C-alpha atoms as a PDB file:
ATOM      1  CA  MET A   1     144.334  81.671  -9.810  1.00  0.00           C
ATOM      2  CA  SER A   2     147.583  79.989 -10.514  1.00  0.00           C
ATOM      3  CA  LEU A   3     150.874  81.789 -10.744  1.00  0.00           C
ATOM      4  CA  TRP A   4     151.255  80.772 -14.388  1.00  0.00           C
ATOM      5  CA  PHE A   5     147.949  82.450 -15.305  1.00  0.00           C
ATOM      6  CA  ARG A   6     149.007  85.688 -13.604  1.00  0.00           C
ATOM      7  CA  ILE A   7     152.331  85.662 -15.436  1.00  0.00           C
ATOM      8  CA  GLN A   8     150.505  85.180 -18.739  1.00  0.00           C
ATOM      9  CA  GLU A   9     148.246  88.151 -17.958  1.00  0.00           C
ATOM     10  CA  LEU A  10     151.296  90.277 -17.162  1.00  0.00           C
ATOM     11  CA  VAL A  11     153.025  89.330 -20.418  1.00  0.00           C
ATOM     12  CA  VAL A  12     149.889  90.117 -22.428  1.00  0.00           C
ATOM     13  CA  GLU A  13     149.472  93.470 -20.666  1.00  0.00           C
ATOM     14  CA  ILE A  14     153.099  94.412 -21.361  1.00  0.00           C
ATOM     15  CA  GLY A  15     152.642  93.400 -24.997  1.00  0.00           C
ATOM     16  CA  LEU A  16     149.533  95.560 -25.346  1.00  0.00           C
ATOM     17  CA  ARG A  17     151.260  98.564 -23.816  1.00  0.00           C
ATOM     18  CA  LEU A  18     154.251  98.151 -26.144  1.00  0.00           C
ATOM     19  CA  ALA A  19     151.908  97.826 -29.117  1.00  0.00           C
ATOM     20  CA  LYS A  20     150.228 101.101 -28.149  1.00  0.00           C
ATOM     21  CA  VAL A  21     153.602 102.850 -28.018  1.00  0.00           C
ATOM     22  CA  ALA A  22     154.491 101.388 -31.426  1.00  0.00           C
ATOM     23  CA  VAL A  23     151.228 102.586 -32.994  1.00  0.00           C
ATOM     24  CA  ALA A  24     151.644 106.055 -31.459  1.00  0.00           C
ATOM     25  CA  SER A  25     155.198 106.154 -32.827  1.00  0.00           C
ATOM     26  CA  LEU A  26     153.939 105.190 -36.280  1.00  0.00           C
ATOM     27  CA  PHE A  27     151.345 107.975 -36.186  1.00  0.00           C
ATOM     28  CA  GLY A  28     154.059 110.363 -35.007  1.00  0.00           C
ATOM     29  CA  LEU A  29     156.335 109.326 -37.856  1.00  0.00           C
ATOM     30  CA  VAL A  30     153.592 109.978 -40.389  1.00  0.00           C
ATOM     31  CA  ILE A  31     152.909 113.401 -38.856  1.00  0.00           C
ATOM     32  CA  TYR A  32     156.642 114.215 -38.867  1.00  0.00           C
ATOM     33  CA  LEU A  33     157.011 113.193 -42.509  1.00  0.00           C
ATOM     34  CA  VAL A  34     154.005 115.286 -43.522  1.00  0.00           C
ATOM     35  CA  LEU A  35     155.342 118.308 -41.644  1.00  0.00           C
ATOM     36  CA  THR A  36     158.882 118.057 -43.022  1.00  0.00           C
ATOM     37  CA  GLY A  37     157.881 116.962 -46.533  1.00  0.00           C
ATOM     38  CA  PRO A  38     154.895 118.693 -48.104  1.00  0.00           C
ATOM     39  CA  LEU A  39     154.566 121.438 -45.484  1.00  0.00           C
ATOM     40  CA  GLY A  40     158.289 122.280 -45.543  1.00  0.00           C
ATOM     41  CA  ALA A  41     158.947 122.592 -41.814  1.00  0.00           C
ATOM     42  CA  PRO A  42     162.633 122.260 -40.908  1.00  0.00           C
ATOM     43  CA  GLY A  43     163.317 118.958 -39.191  1.00  0.00           C
ATOM     44  CA  SER A  44     164.475 119.059 -35.581  1.00  0.00           C
ATOM     45  CA  VAL A  45     164.427 116.979 -32.431  1.00  0.00           C
ATOM     46  CA  GLN A  46     161.750 119.235 -30.966  1.00  0.00           C
ATOM     47  CA  LEU A  47     159.538 118.709 -34.006  1.00  0.00           C
ATOM     48  CA  ALA A  48     160.063 114.943 -33.780  1.00  0.00           C
ATOM     49  CA  LEU A  49     159.039 114.909 -30.107  1.00  0.00           C
ATOM     50  CA  GLU A  50     156.013 117.074 -30.795  1.00  0.00           C
ATOM     51  CA  ALA A  51     154.983 114.813 -33.670  1.00  0.00           C
ATOM     52  CA  TRP A  52     155.347 111.753 -31.418  1.00  0.00           C
ATOM     53  CA  ILE A  53     153.171 113.381 -28.762  1.00  0.00           C
ATOM     54  CA  ALA A  54     150.623 114.325 -31.421  1.00  0.00           C
ATOM     55  CA  GLY A  55     150.648 110.717 -32.633  1.00  0.00           C
ATOM     56  CA  ALA A  56     149.968 109.529 -29.100  1.00  0.00           C
ATOM     57  CA  LEU A  57     147.063 111.968 -28.829  1.00  0.00           C
ATOM     58  CA  VAL A  58     145.624 110.800 -32.143  1.00  0.00           C
ATOM     59  CA  PHE A  59     145.855 107.196 -30.961  1.00  0.00           C
ATOM     60  CA  LEU A  60     144.192 108.111 -27.659  1.00  0.00           C
ATOM     61  CA  ILE A  61     141.330 109.852 -29.445  1.00  0.00           C
ATOM     62  CA  ILE A  62     140.818 106.867 -31.746  1.00  0.00           C
ATOM     63  CA  GLU A  63     141.043 104.401 -28.853  1.00  0.00           C
ATOM     64  CA  THR A  64     138.436 106.203 -26.753  1.00  0.00           C
ATOM     65  CA  GLY A  65     135.977 106.086 -29.620  1.00  0.00           C
ATOM     66  CA  ILE A  66     135.365 109.780 -30.191  1.00  0.00           C
ATOM     67  CA  PHE A  67     135.439 109.211 -33.955  1.00  0.00           C
END
């Protein structure tokens, strides 16, 4: 394999990993907005981090094909 092909694979892999983080963050944002809006939980940094982790778990469950 040429060096150029390996660099392309690396760039694509980095892009996919960043896309996964972005999707998990989007899920986390939705969870945070639901918790602070309709459910009335007080907003905090801890809640934001927990919502982001929950978003990552939701993405992982969807990605593995459980649903």
